[in-house]
């Protein structure tokens, strides 16, 4: 690929960079007019099952915003049908599962993921993008076991995760069996994405912030250590991220990951003061993208400055882009991040 922009990969490895790289969670789709036109005709599942269409949606923000990475357009529950989970993504609700996990037997009944058979459309999309279309790294991703388990046990999105947490503490045998099953799936799934051409990986533990530190250490950290230890062998940068999980930032920093993703609740400066020395990613509050430009600029500059001071930093939002964010705002923000960080890094 001519003029391949590897700034994000260098930042993730803590190497020298000329400017702070940036990508935005949920940058693919959301508010782009071209995407909204496609969504009138196709659902998320239908788009992801058509490699050419999915590649187009994935590449759109790279072309429009000039970001330093693409992230695959798909959902974290995409591989679950391969295990025998009956999941449908309902508009306005999210993933809904009609056969939730309730017993240890339910866990033992789960199958194993075969990426070539179960998600060939994902691998085809990755190959199309990385071999023919992109001049920036493609970030592959997967949901972490706790977050996937929360959907599988609750039967859909939850605000409190009561069923998940009570299952975790009262059925430890079933819980750890489920963690192992999901770890195997994640390792297999990510391995296939990297083999197809993904150049970096983000593991989304979106909802693990619902746990306290002690429960995280007992019920989650061992499986995350195992996953990242295996994924290290793939020799691509590994990013971890969750929402509302600032109290777990040091636990994540202990894991064999390259980059710790922060949401907007914990500043980069504060993370550094807590002993986080690894490259960090984040962390503008996505709600601010609806504010006036002078406010966005002021807040973004603080994050860029703290990132430069920290050393290695990948700019991102503290969570995903909202559907009502104007594409022009993201384009302008990307330009600011590149130019302002380049001045500071001279």
C-alpha atoms as a PDB file:
ATOM      1  CA  UNK A   1       0.000   0.000   0.000  1.00  0.00           C
ATOM      2  CA  UNK A   2       1.527   3.339  -0.984  1.00  0.00           C
ATOM      3  CA  UNK A   3       1.932   6.010   1.697  1.00  0.00           C
ATOM      4  CA  UNK A   4       0.674   3.786   4.492  1.00  0.00           C
ATOM      5  CA  UNK A   5      -0.014   5.886   7.602  1.00  0.00           C
ATOM      6  CA  UNK A   6       1.253   3.845  10.572  1.00  0.00           C
ATOM      7  CA  UNK A   7       1.113   6.673  13.149  1.00  0.00           C
ATOM      8  CA  UNK A   8      -1.461   4.857  15.298  1.00  0.00           C
ATOM      9  CA  UNK A   9       0.622   1.659  15.380  1.00  0.00           C
ATOM     10  CA  UNK A  10       3.734   3.611  16.400  1.00  0.00           C
ATOM     11  CA  UNK A  11       1.833   5.490  19.125  1.00  0.00           C
ATOM     12  CA  UNK A  12       0.436   2.207  20.465  1.00  0.00           C
ATOM     13  CA  UNK A  13       3.973   0.820  20.718  1.00  0.00           C
ATOM     14  CA  UNK A  14       5.264   3.958  22.427  1.00  0.00           C
ATOM     15  CA  UNK A  15       7.459   4.930  19.455  1.00  0.00           C
ATOM     16  CA  UNK A  16       8.172   8.436  18.166  1.00  0.00           C
ATOM     17  CA  UNK A  17       5.271  10.125  16.363  1.00  0.00           C
ATOM     18  CA  UNK A  18       4.977  13.443  14.515  1.00  0.00           C
ATOM     19  CA  UNK A  19       1.358  14.058  15.546  1.00  0.00           C
ATOM     20  CA  UNK A  20      -1.188  12.496  17.882  1.00  0.00           C
ATOM     21  CA  UNK A  21      -3.186   9.896  15.936  1.00  0.00           C
ATOM     22  CA  UNK A  22      -6.973   9.862  16.226  1.00  0.00           C
ATOM     23  CA  UNK A  23      -9.935   7.618  15.497  1.00  0.00           C
ATOM     24  CA  UNK A  24     -13.421   7.716  16.986  1.00  0.00           C
ATOM     25  CA  UNK A  25     -15.371   4.875  18.500  1.00  0.00           C
ATOM     26  CA  UNK A  26     -18.472   4.290  16.363  1.00  0.00           C
ATOM     27  CA  UNK A  27     -16.979   6.514  13.649  1.00  0.00           C
ATOM     28  CA  UNK A  28     -18.304   4.123  10.987  1.00  0.00           C
ATOM     29  CA  UNK A  29     -21.929   4.852  10.261  1.00  0.00           C
ATOM     30  CA  UNK A  30     -23.822   6.885  12.848  1.00  0.00           C
ATOM     31  CA  UNK A  31     -24.416  10.323  11.386  1.00  0.00           C
ATOM     32  CA  UNK A  32     -22.986  10.241   7.853  1.00  0.00           C
ATOM     33  CA  UNK A  33     -25.621  11.076   5.211  1.00  0.00           C
ATOM     34  CA  UNK A  34     -24.285   8.335   2.893  1.00  0.00           C
ATOM     35  CA  UNK A  35     -24.659   5.819   5.708  1.00  0.00           C
ATOM     36  CA  UNK A  36     -28.151   6.995   6.662  1.00  0.00           C
ATOM     37  CA  UNK A  37     -29.191   6.411   3.060  1.00  0.00           C
ATOM     38  CA  UNK A  38     -27.900   2.823   3.247  1.00  0.00           C
ATOM     39  CA  UNK A  39     -29.674   2.321   6.603  1.00  0.00           C
ATOM     40  CA  UNK A  40     -33.000   3.182   4.981  1.00  0.00           C
ATOM     41  CA  UNK A  41     -32.576  -0.033   2.982  1.00  0.00           C
ATOM     42  CA  UNK A  42     -30.512  -2.337   5.192  1.00  0.00           C
ATOM     43  CA  UNK A  43     -30.210  -3.240   8.889  1.00  0.00           C
ATOM     44  CA  UNK A  44     -26.847  -3.427  10.700  1.00  0.00           C
ATOM     45  CA  UNK A  45     -26.858  -7.226  10.307  1.00  0.00           C
ATOM     46  CA  UNK A  46     -27.610  -6.970   6.595  1.00  0.00           C
ATOM     47  CA  UNK A  47     -24.795  -4.439   6.064  1.00  0.00           C
ATOM     48  CA  UNK A  48     -22.234  -6.539   7.963  1.00  0.00           C
ATOM     49  CA  UNK A  49     -23.150  -9.639   5.947  1.00  0.00           C
ATOM     50  CA  UNK A  50     -22.356  -7.845   2.652  1.00  0.00           C
ATOM     51  CA  UNK A  51     -18.554  -7.360   2.524  1.00  0.00           C
ATOM     52  CA  UNK A  52     -18.550  -4.674  -0.188  1.00  0.00           C
ATOM     53  CA  UNK A  53     -21.180  -2.591   1.585  1.00  0.00           C
ATOM     54  CA  UNK A  54     -19.572  -3.149   4.995  1.00  0.00           C
ATOM     55  CA  UNK A  55     -16.142  -2.162   3.636  1.00  0.00           C
ATOM     56  CA  UNK A  56     -17.657   1.026   2.175  1.00  0.00           C
ATOM     57  CA  UNK A  57     -19.217   1.997   5.538  1.00  0.00           C
ATOM     58  CA  UNK A  58     -15.966   1.175   7.383  1.00  0.00           C
ATOM     59  CA  UNK A  59     -13.839   3.282   5.025  1.00  0.00           C
ATOM     60  CA  UNK A  60     -16.176   6.289   4.838  1.00  0.00           C
ATOM     61  CA  UNK A  61     -14.874   8.071   7.996  1.00  0.00           C
ATOM     62  CA  UNK A  62     -11.261   7.595   6.873  1.00  0.00           C
ATOM     63  CA  UNK A  63     -12.052   9.389   3.621  1.00  0.00           C
ATOM     64  CA  UNK A  64     -14.264  12.040   5.207  1.00  0.00           C
ATOM     65  CA  UNK A  65     -12.507  12.848   8.482  1.00  0.00           C
ATOM     66  CA  UNK A  66      -8.884  11.903   7.662  1.00  0.00           C
ATOM     67  CA  UNK A  67      -8.616   9.761  10.816  1.00  0.00           C
ATOM     68  CA  UNK A  68      -5.530   7.596  11.426  1.00  0.00           C
ATOM     69  CA  UNK A  69      -7.353   4.254  11.633  1.00  0.00           C
ATOM     70  CA  UNK A  70     -10.483   2.491  10.458  1.00  0.00           C
ATOM     71  CA  UNK A  71     -12.520   0.285  12.776  1.00  0.00           C
ATOM     72  CA  UNK A  72     -14.591  -2.521  11.384  1.00  0.00           C
ATOM     73  CA  UNK A  73     -18.314  -1.807  11.174  1.00  0.00           C
ATOM     74  CA  UNK A  74     -19.961  -4.644  13.092  1.00  0.00           C
ATOM     75  CA  UNK A  75     -21.411  -5.454  16.498  1.00  0.00           C
ATOM     76  CA  UNK A  76     -19.708  -7.181  19.429  1.00  0.00           C
ATOM     77  CA  UNK A  77     -22.387  -9.918  19.343  1.00  0.00           C
ATOM     78  CA  UNK A  78     -21.572 -10.816  15.701  1.00  0.00           C
ATOM     79  CA  UNK A  79     -19.758 -14.104  16.573  1.00  0.00           C
ATOM     80  CA  UNK A  80     -22.306 -15.350  19.165  1.00  0.00           C
ATOM     81  CA  UNK A  81     -24.559 -17.257  16.718  1.00  0.00           C
ATOM     82  CA  UNK A  82     -21.497 -19.437  16.035  1.00  0.00           C
ATOM     83  CA  UNK A  83     -21.773 -20.639  19.659  1.00  0.00           C
ATOM     84  CA  UNK A  84     -25.476 -21.366  19.299  1.00  0.00           C
ATOM     85  CA  UNK A  85     -26.772 -18.124  20.798  1.00  0.00           C
ATOM     86  CA  UNK A  86     -29.921 -16.860  19.105  1.00  0.00           C
ATOM     87  CA  UNK A  87     -29.291 -13.110  18.942  1.00  0.00           C
ATOM     88  CA  UNK A  88     -31.094 -10.394  17.011  1.00  0.00           C
ATOM     89  CA  UNK A  89     -30.140  -6.713  16.953  1.00  0.00           C
ATOM     90  CA  UNK A  90     -33.354  -4.758  17.470  1.00  0.00           C
ATOM     91  CA  UNK A  91     -33.400  -1.123  16.363  1.00  0.00           C
ATOM     92  CA  UNK A  92     -33.516   1.229  19.348  1.00  0.00           C
ATOM     93  CA  UNK A  93     -32.895  -1.634  21.796  1.00  0.00           C
ATOM     94  CA  UNK A  94     -29.666  -3.426  20.889  1.00  0.00           C
ATOM     95  CA  UNK A  95     -28.844  -7.137  20.976  1.00  0.00           C
ATOM     96  CA  UNK A  96     -31.748  -9.312  22.177  1.00  0.00           C
ATOM     97  CA  UNK A  97     -31.128 -12.980  23.002  1.00  0.00           C
ATOM     98  CA  UNK A  98     -33.994 -15.483  23.024  1.00  0.00           C
ATOM     99  CA  UNK A  99     -32.072 -18.361  24.659  1.00  0.00           C
ATOM    100  CA  UNK A 100     -30.282 -16.757  27.641  1.00  0.00           C
ATOM    101  CA  UNK A 101     -27.791 -18.631  29.822  1.00  0.00           C
ATOM    102  CA  UNK A 102     -29.307 -19.777  33.114  1.00  0.00           C
ATOM    103  CA  UNK A 103     -27.397 -22.932  34.195  1.00  0.00           C
ATOM    104  CA  UNK A 104     -24.027 -24.621  33.933  1.00  0.00           C
ATOM    105  CA  UNK A 105     -25.645 -27.022  31.435  1.00  0.00           C
ATOM    106  CA  UNK A 106     -26.525 -24.055  29.189  1.00  0.00           C
ATOM    107  CA  UNK A 107     -22.822 -23.174  29.166  1.00  0.00           C
ATOM    108  CA  UNK A 108     -21.774 -26.758  28.351  1.00  0.00           C
ATOM    109  CA  UNK A 109     -24.275 -26.777  25.473  1.00  0.00           C
ATOM    110  CA  UNK A 110     -22.526 -23.863  23.736  1.00  0.00           C
ATOM    111  CA  UNK A 111     -20.607 -24.689  20.557  1.00  0.00           C
ATOM    112  CA  UNK A 112     -17.205 -23.472  19.346  1.00  0.00           C
ATOM    113  CA  UNK A 113     -16.605 -20.664  16.889  1.00  0.00           C
ATOM    114  CA  UNK A 114     -15.259 -21.557  13.459  1.00  0.00           C
ATOM    115  CA  UNK A 115     -14.560 -18.125  11.923  1.00  0.00           C
ATOM    116  CA  UNK A 116     -14.340 -19.361   8.313  1.00  0.00           C
ATOM    117  CA  UNK A 117     -17.750 -21.056   8.649  1.00  0.00           C
ATOM    118  CA  UNK A 118     -19.529 -18.739  11.113  1.00  0.00           C
ATOM    119  CA  UNK A 119     -18.288 -15.239  10.185  1.00  0.00           C
ATOM    120  CA  UNK A 120     -16.794 -15.517   6.672  1.00  0.00           C
ATOM    121  CA  UNK A 121     -18.336 -12.120   5.815  1.00  0.00           C
ATOM    122  CA  UNK A 122     -16.238 -10.444   8.545  1.00  0.00           C
ATOM    123  CA  UNK A 123     -13.000 -11.954   7.218  1.00  0.00           C
ATOM    124  CA  UNK A 124     -13.925 -11.101   3.627  1.00  0.00           C
ATOM    125  CA  UNK A 125     -14.584  -7.451   4.614  1.00  0.00           C
ATOM    126  CA  UNK A 126     -11.200  -7.241   6.386  1.00  0.00           C
ATOM    127  CA  UNK A 127      -9.342  -8.664   3.382  1.00  0.00           C
ATOM    128  CA  UNK A 128     -11.104  -6.303   0.996  1.00  0.00           C
ATOM    129  CA  UNK A 129     -10.215  -3.273   3.148  1.00  0.00           C
ATOM    130  CA  UNK A 130      -6.632  -4.164   4.023  1.00  0.00           C
ATOM    131  CA  UNK A 131      -5.561  -5.554   0.657  1.00  0.00           C
ATOM    132  CA  UNK A 132      -7.213  -3.040  -1.645  1.00  0.00           C
ATOM    133  CA  UNK A 133      -8.682   0.033   0.031  1.00  0.00           C
ATOM    134  CA  UNK A 134      -7.100   1.427   3.193  1.00  0.00           C
ATOM    135  CA  UNK A 135      -3.910   3.440   3.700  1.00  0.00           C
ATOM    136  CA  UNK A 136      -4.381   3.395   7.503  1.00  0.00           C
ATOM    137  CA  UNK A 137      -4.488   0.445   9.923  1.00  0.00           C
ATOM    138  CA  UNK A 138      -7.766  -1.430  10.322  1.00  0.00           C
ATOM    139  CA  UNK A 139      -8.653  -2.040  13.967  1.00  0.00           C
ATOM    140  CA  UNK A 140     -10.330  -5.387  14.537  1.00  0.00           C
ATOM    141  CA  UNK A 141     -12.286  -5.945  17.726  1.00  0.00           C
ATOM    142  CA  UNK A 142     -14.224  -8.245  19.987  1.00  0.00           C
ATOM    143  CA  UNK A 143     -16.367  -7.925  23.074  1.00  0.00           C
ATOM    144  CA  UNK A 144     -14.767  -9.019  26.338  1.00  0.00           C
ATOM    145  CA  UNK A 145     -16.231 -12.014  28.221  1.00  0.00           C
ATOM    146  CA  UNK A 146     -17.993 -10.001  30.966  1.00  0.00           C
ATOM    147  CA  UNK A 147     -19.732  -7.712  28.474  1.00  0.00           C
ATOM    148  CA  UNK A 148     -20.767 -10.589  26.188  1.00  0.00           C
ATOM    149  CA  UNK A 149     -21.877 -12.633  29.216  1.00  0.00           C
ATOM    150  CA  UNK A 150     -24.056  -9.732  30.385  1.00  0.00           C
ATOM    151  CA  UNK A 151     -26.064  -9.925  27.137  1.00  0.00           C
ATOM    152  CA  UNK A 152     -26.145 -13.724  27.244  1.00  0.00           C
ATOM    153  CA  UNK A 153     -27.413 -13.859  30.836  1.00  0.00           C
ATOM    154  CA  UNK A 154     -29.705 -10.796  30.880  1.00  0.00           C
ATOM    155  CA  UNK A 155     -31.115 -11.636  27.432  1.00  0.00           C
ATOM    156  CA  UNK A 156     -30.350  -8.119  26.206  1.00  0.00           C
ATOM    157  CA  UNK A 157     -28.997  -4.727  27.319  1.00  0.00           C
ATOM    158  CA  UNK A 158     -29.210  -3.945  31.035  1.00  0.00           C
ATOM    159  CA  UNK A 159     -28.736  -0.886  33.223  1.00  0.00           C
ATOM    160  CA  UNK A 160     -27.943  -2.745  36.443  1.00  0.00           C
ATOM    161  CA  UNK A 161     -26.514  -6.173  35.406  1.00  0.00           C
ATOM    162  CA  UNK A 162     -28.273  -7.697  38.432  1.00  0.00           C
ATOM    163  CA  UNK A 163     -28.787 -11.110  36.826  1.00  0.00           C
ATOM    164  CA  UNK A 164     -25.207 -11.191  35.555  1.00  0.00           C
ATOM    165  CA  UNK A 165     -23.641 -10.234  38.878  1.00  0.00           C
ATOM    166  CA  UNK A 166     -25.809 -12.593  40.924  1.00  0.00           C
ATOM    167  CA  UNK A 167     -25.046 -15.465  38.478  1.00  0.00           C
ATOM    168  CA  UNK A 168     -21.335 -14.638  38.741  1.00  0.00           C
ATOM    169  CA  UNK A 169     -21.213 -14.875  42.547  1.00  0.00           C
ATOM    170  CA  UNK A 170     -23.782 -17.657  43.117  1.00  0.00           C
ATOM    171  CA  UNK A 171     -22.809 -19.959  40.221  1.00  0.00           C
ATOM    172  CA  UNK A 172     -19.015 -19.678  40.123  1.00  0.00           C
ATOM    173  CA  UNK A 173     -18.575 -23.041  38.348  1.00  0.00           C
ATOM    174  CA  UNK A 174     -20.947 -21.994  35.558  1.00  0.00           C
ATOM    175  CA  UNK A 175     -19.438 -18.488  35.486  1.00  0.00           C
ATOM    176  CA  UNK A 176     -15.844 -19.637  35.030  1.00  0.00           C
ATOM    177  CA  UNK A 177     -16.942 -22.211  32.446  1.00  0.00           C
ATOM    178  CA  UNK A 178     -18.650 -19.392  30.535  1.00  0.00           C
ATOM    179  CA  UNK A 179     -15.565 -17.166  30.846  1.00  0.00           C
ATOM    180  CA  UNK A 180     -13.404 -19.969  29.422  1.00  0.00           C
ATOM    181  CA  UNK A 181     -15.820 -20.569  26.563  1.00  0.00           C
ATOM    182  CA  UNK A 182     -15.901 -16.852  25.684  1.00  0.00           C
ATOM    183  CA  UNK A 183     -12.120 -16.552  26.030  1.00  0.00           C
ATOM    184  CA  UNK A 184     -11.639 -19.421  23.565  1.00  0.00           C
ATOM    185  CA  UNK A 185     -14.050 -17.743  21.168  1.00  0.00           C
ATOM    186  CA  UNK A 186     -12.333 -14.341  21.496  1.00  0.00           C
ATOM    187  CA  UNK A 187      -8.850 -15.761  20.909  1.00  0.00           C
ATOM    188  CA  UNK A 188     -10.051 -17.686  17.835  1.00  0.00           C
ATOM    189  CA  UNK A 189     -12.068 -14.759  16.476  1.00  0.00           C
ATOM    190  CA  UNK A 190      -9.304 -12.175  16.897  1.00  0.00           C
ATOM    191  CA  UNK A 191      -6.712 -14.579  15.472  1.00  0.00           C
ATOM    192  CA  UNK A 192      -8.833 -14.885  12.327  1.00  0.00           C
ATOM    193  CA  UNK A 193      -9.248 -11.089  12.077  1.00  0.00           C
ATOM    194  CA  UNK A 194      -5.484 -10.537  12.311  1.00  0.00           C
ATOM    195  CA  UNK A 195      -4.801 -13.331   9.792  1.00  0.00           C
ATOM    196  CA  UNK A 196      -7.234 -11.560   7.433  1.00  0.00           C
ATOM    197  CA  UNK A 197      -5.336  -8.256   7.791  1.00  0.00           C
ATOM    198  CA  UNK A 198      -6.392  -6.357  10.962  1.00  0.00           C
ATOM    199  CA  UNK A 199      -3.373  -4.382  12.214  1.00  0.00           C
ATOM    200  CA  UNK A 200      -4.496  -3.540  15.770  1.00  0.00           C
ATOM    201  CA  UNK A 201      -7.092  -4.951  18.146  1.00  0.00           C
ATOM    202  CA  UNK A 202      -9.449  -3.371  20.664  1.00  0.00           C
ATOM    203  CA  UNK A 203     -11.237  -5.486  23.250  1.00  0.00           C
ATOM    204  CA  UNK A 204     -14.410  -3.739  24.373  1.00  0.00           C
ATOM    205  CA  UNK A 205     -15.290  -4.529  27.983  1.00  0.00           C
ATOM    206  CA  UNK A 206     -17.983  -1.907  27.714  1.00  0.00           C
ATOM    207  CA  UNK A 207     -19.972  -2.799  30.843  1.00  0.00           C
ATOM    208  CA  UNK A 208     -17.354  -4.189  33.234  1.00  0.00           C
ATOM    209  CA  UNK A 209     -17.396  -0.877  35.146  1.00  0.00           C
ATOM    210  CA  UNK A 210     -20.477  -2.339  36.901  1.00  0.00           C
ATOM    211  CA  UNK A 211     -18.078  -4.429  39.027  1.00  0.00           C
ATOM    212  CA  UNK A 212     -15.948  -3.333  41.958  1.00  0.00           C
ATOM    213  CA  UNK A 213     -12.175  -3.889  41.966  1.00  0.00           C
ATOM    214  CA  UNK A 214     -12.269  -6.984  44.179  1.00  0.00           C
ATOM    215  CA  UNK A 215     -14.864  -8.784  42.026  1.00  0.00           C
ATOM    216  CA  UNK A 216     -12.962  -7.782  38.900  1.00  0.00           C
ATOM    217  CA  UNK A 217      -9.796  -9.361  40.296  1.00  0.00           C
ATOM    218  CA  UNK A 218     -11.561 -12.601  41.220  1.00  0.00           C
ATOM    219  CA  UNK A 219     -14.034 -13.121  38.385  1.00  0.00           C
ATOM    220  CA  UNK A 220     -12.621 -11.232  35.378  1.00  0.00           C
ATOM    221  CA  UNK A 221      -8.903 -10.490  35.554  1.00  0.00           C
ATOM    222  CA  UNK A 222      -7.736 -14.122  35.169  1.00  0.00           C
ATOM    223  CA  UNK A 223      -9.665 -14.571  31.921  1.00  0.00           C
ATOM    224  CA  UNK A 224      -8.534 -11.188  30.555  1.00  0.00           C
ATOM    225  CA  UNK A 225      -4.915 -12.047  31.394  1.00  0.00           C
ATOM    226  CA  UNK A 226      -5.306 -15.317  29.500  1.00  0.00           C
ATOM    227  CA  UNK A 227      -6.881 -13.637  26.459  1.00  0.00           C
ATOM    228  CA  UNK A 228      -4.271 -10.880  26.158  1.00  0.00           C
ATOM    229  CA  UNK A 229      -1.379 -13.294  26.818  1.00  0.00           C
ATOM    230  CA  UNK A 230      -2.569 -15.400  23.865  1.00  0.00           C
ATOM    231  CA  UNK A 231      -3.242 -12.372  21.658  1.00  0.00           C
ATOM    232  CA  UNK A 232       0.272 -11.012  22.276  1.00  0.00           C
ATOM    233  CA  UNK A 233       1.545 -13.831  20.055  1.00  0.00           C
ATOM    234  CA  UNK A 234      -0.205 -12.152  17.095  1.00  0.00           C
ATOM    235  CA  UNK A 235       2.259  -9.259  17.341  1.00  0.00           C
ATOM    236  CA  UNK A 236      -0.282  -6.453  16.850  1.00  0.00           C
ATOM    237  CA  UNK A 237      -1.053  -3.609  19.307  1.00  0.00           C
ATOM    238  CA  UNK A 238      -3.727  -4.522  21.862  1.00  0.00           C
ATOM    239  CA  UNK A 239      -6.109  -1.915  23.307  1.00  0.00           C
ATOM    240  CA  UNK A 240      -8.531  -2.445  26.182  1.00  0.00           C
ATOM    241  CA  UNK A 241     -11.526  -0.222  26.860  1.00  0.00           C
ATOM    242  CA  UNK A 242     -14.630   0.032  29.038  1.00  0.00           C
ATOM    243  CA  UNK A 243     -17.087   2.717  30.154  1.00  0.00           C
ATOM    244  CA  UNK A 244     -17.464   3.996  33.718  1.00  0.00           C
ATOM    245  CA  UNK A 245     -14.482   1.909  34.762  1.00  0.00           C
ATOM    246  CA  UNK A 246     -11.924   4.453  35.982  1.00  0.00           C
ATOM    247  CA  UNK A 247     -11.629   2.464  39.229  1.00  0.00           C
ATOM    248  CA  UNK A 248     -10.310  -0.446  37.135  1.00  0.00           C
ATOM    249  CA  UNK A 249      -7.702   1.539  35.159  1.00  0.00           C
ATOM    250  CA  UNK A 250      -4.787   0.205  37.231  1.00  0.00           C
ATOM    251  CA  UNK A 251      -6.086  -3.359  36.876  1.00  0.00           C
ATOM    252  CA  UNK A 252      -6.122  -2.913  33.078  1.00  0.00           C
ATOM    253  CA  UNK A 253      -2.644  -1.412  33.155  1.00  0.00           C
ATOM    254  CA  UNK A 254      -1.448  -4.678  34.783  1.00  0.00           C
ATOM    255  CA  UNK A 255      -2.774  -6.737  31.869  1.00  0.00           C
ATOM    256  CA  UNK A 256      -0.480  -7.650  28.948  1.00  0.00           C
ATOM    257  CA  UNK A 257      -1.967  -4.852  26.793  1.00  0.00           C
ATOM    258  CA  UNK A 258      -0.254  -2.063  24.870  1.00  0.00           C
ATOM    259  CA  UNK A 259      -2.832   0.707  25.271  1.00  0.00           C
ATOM    260  CA  UNK A 260      -5.255   1.532  28.084  1.00  0.00           C
ATOM    261  CA  UNK A 261      -8.463   3.189  26.854  1.00  0.00           C
ATOM    262  CA  UNK A 262      -9.937   5.826  29.167  1.00  0.00           C
ATOM    263  CA  UNK A 263     -13.449   7.232  29.197  1.00  0.00           C
ATOM    264  CA  UNK A 264     -14.038  10.912  30.023  1.00  0.00           C
ATOM    265  CA  UNK A 265     -14.298  10.377  33.781  1.00  0.00           C
ATOM    266  CA  UNK A 266     -10.545   9.947  34.290  1.00  0.00           C
ATOM    267  CA  UNK A 267      -8.180  12.533  32.806  1.00  0.00           C
ATOM    268  CA  UNK A 268      -4.909  11.447  31.203  1.00  0.00           C
ATOM    269  CA  UNK A 269      -3.028  13.541  33.755  1.00  0.00           C
ATOM    270  CA  UNK A 270      -4.784  11.801  36.648  1.00  0.00           C
ATOM    271  CA  UNK A 271      -4.198   8.383  35.063  1.00  0.00           C
ATOM    272  CA  UNK A 272      -0.490   9.201  34.886  1.00  0.00           C
ATOM    273  CA  UNK A 273      -0.506  10.279  38.541  1.00  0.00           C
ATOM    274  CA  UNK A 274      -2.021   6.887  39.403  1.00  0.00           C
ATOM    275  CA  UNK A 275       0.958   5.163  37.816  1.00  0.00           C
ATOM    276  CA  UNK A 276      -0.370   4.438  34.319  1.00  0.00           C
ATOM    277  CA  UNK A 277       2.742   4.669  32.153  1.00  0.00           C
ATOM    278  CA  UNK A 278       1.557   2.720  29.105  1.00  0.00           C
ATOM    279  CA  UNK A 279       0.178   4.529  26.052  1.00  0.00           C
ATOM    280  CA  UNK A 280      -3.378   5.731  26.662  1.00  0.00           C
ATOM    281  CA  UNK A 281      -6.353   6.278  24.387  1.00  0.00           C
ATOM    282  CA  UNK A 282      -9.150   8.806  24.841  1.00  0.00           C
ATOM    283  CA  UNK A 283     -11.013  10.653  26.014  1.00  0.00           C
ATOM    284  CA  UNK A 284     -13.250  13.572  25.022  1.00  0.00           C
ATOM    285  CA  UNK A 285     -16.785  13.290  26.372  1.00  0.00           C
ATOM    286  CA  UNK A 286     -18.831  12.534  23.220  1.00  0.00           C
ATOM    287  CA  UNK A 287     -21.652  14.782  24.501  1.00  0.00           C
ATOM    288  CA  UNK A 288     -19.344  17.776  23.998  1.00  0.00           C
ATOM    289  CA  UNK A 289     -19.467  17.207  20.233  1.00  0.00           C
ATOM    290  CA  UNK A 290     -22.919  18.796  20.362  1.00  0.00           C
ATOM    291  CA  UNK A 291     -21.514  21.954  21.994  1.00  0.00           C
ATOM    292  CA  UNK A 292     -20.207  25.098  20.272  1.00  0.00           C
ATOM    293  CA  UNK A 293     -16.877  24.701  18.482  1.00  0.00           C
ATOM    294  CA  UNK A 294     -14.945  26.981  20.874  1.00  0.00           C
ATOM    295  CA  UNK A 295     -15.851  24.640  23.769  1.00  0.00           C
ATOM    296  CA  UNK A 296     -14.886  21.521  21.791  1.00  0.00           C
ATOM    297  CA  UNK A 297     -11.589  23.134  20.811  1.00  0.00           C
ATOM    298  CA  UNK A 298     -10.774  24.215  24.356  1.00  0.00           C
ATOM    299  CA  UNK A 299     -11.520  20.757  25.844  1.00  0.00           C
ATOM    300  CA  UNK A 300      -9.766  18.860  23.044  1.00  0.00           C
ATOM    301  CA  UNK A 301      -6.611  20.974  23.429  1.00  0.00           C
ATOM    302  CA  UNK A 302      -6.381  20.055  27.133  1.00  0.00           C
ATOM    303  CA  UNK A 303      -6.571  16.350  26.225  1.00  0.00           C
ATOM    304  CA  UNK A 304      -3.985  16.767  23.431  1.00  0.00           C
ATOM    305  CA  UNK A 305      -1.631  18.621  25.820  1.00  0.00           C
ATOM    306  CA  UNK A 306      -2.006  15.984  28.528  1.00  0.00           C
ATOM    307  CA  UNK A 307      -1.461  13.248  25.937  1.00  0.00           C
ATOM    308  CA  UNK A 308       1.747  14.831  24.654  1.00  0.00           C
ATOM    309  CA  UNK A 309       2.955  15.226  28.232  1.00  0.00           C
ATOM    310  CA  UNK A 310       2.068  11.588  28.966  1.00  0.00           C
ATOM    311  CA  UNK A 311       4.184  10.524  25.991  1.00  0.00           C
ATOM    312  CA  UNK A 312       2.168   8.107  23.903  1.00  0.00           C
ATOM    313  CA  UNK A 313      -1.458   8.975  23.260  1.00  0.00           C
ATOM    314  CA  UNK A 314      -4.137   8.038  20.750  1.00  0.00           C
ATOM    315  CA  UNK A 315      -6.936  10.609  20.697  1.00  0.00           C
ATOM    316  CA  UNK A 316     -10.467   9.231  20.875  1.00  0.00           C
ATOM    317  CA  UNK A 317     -13.783   9.877  22.545  1.00  0.00           C
ATOM    318  CA  UNK A 318     -14.682   8.555  25.973  1.00  0.00           C
ATOM    319  CA  UNK A 319     -17.356   6.438  24.268  1.00  0.00           C
ATOM    320  CA  UNK A 320     -19.012   6.246  20.827  1.00  0.00           C
ATOM    321  CA  UNK A 321     -20.114   8.988  18.443  1.00  0.00           C
ATOM    322  CA  UNK A 322     -23.798   9.892  18.850  1.00  0.00           C
ATOM    323  CA  UNK A 323     -26.049   9.722  15.758  1.00  0.00           C
ATOM    324  CA  UNK A 324     -26.762  13.475  15.964  1.00  0.00           C
ATOM    325  CA  UNK A 325     -23.104  14.574  15.775  1.00  0.00           C
ATOM    326  CA  UNK A 326     -22.398  16.467  12.554  1.00  0.00           C
ATOM    327  CA  UNK A 327     -19.733  14.863  10.320  1.00  0.00           C
ATOM    328  CA  UNK A 328     -18.256  18.342   9.780  1.00  0.00           C
ATOM    329  CA  UNK A 329     -17.538  18.576  13.525  1.00  0.00           C
ATOM    330  CA  UNK A 330     -15.514  15.355  13.473  1.00  0.00           C
ATOM    331  CA  UNK A 331     -13.587  16.501  10.405  1.00  0.00           C
ATOM    332  CA  UNK A 332     -12.736  19.817  12.072  1.00  0.00           C
ATOM    333  CA  UNK A 333     -11.766  18.072  15.325  1.00  0.00           C
ATOM    334  CA  UNK A 334      -9.456  15.642  13.489  1.00  0.00           C
ATOM    335  CA  UNK A 335      -7.709  18.558  11.805  1.00  0.00           C
ATOM    336  CA  UNK A 336      -7.269  20.323  15.168  1.00  0.00           C
ATOM    337  CA  UNK A 337      -5.803  17.182  16.787  1.00  0.00           C
ATOM    338  CA  UNK A 338      -3.307  16.707  13.960  1.00  0.00           C
ATOM    339  CA  UNK A 339      -2.163  20.339  13.692  1.00  0.00           C
ATOM    340  CA  UNK A 340      -2.119  21.252  17.376  1.00  0.00           C
ATOM    341  CA  UNK A 341      -0.339  18.052  18.464  1.00  0.00           C
ATOM    342  CA  UNK A 342       2.221  18.460  15.659  1.00  0.00           C
ATOM    343  CA  UNK A 343       3.073  21.945  17.002  1.00  0.00           C
ATOM    344  CA  UNK A 344       3.455  20.593  20.547  1.00  0.00           C
ATOM    345  CA  UNK A 345       5.517  17.580  19.458  1.00  0.00           C
ATOM    346  CA  UNK A 346       8.088  19.623  17.477  1.00  0.00           C
END
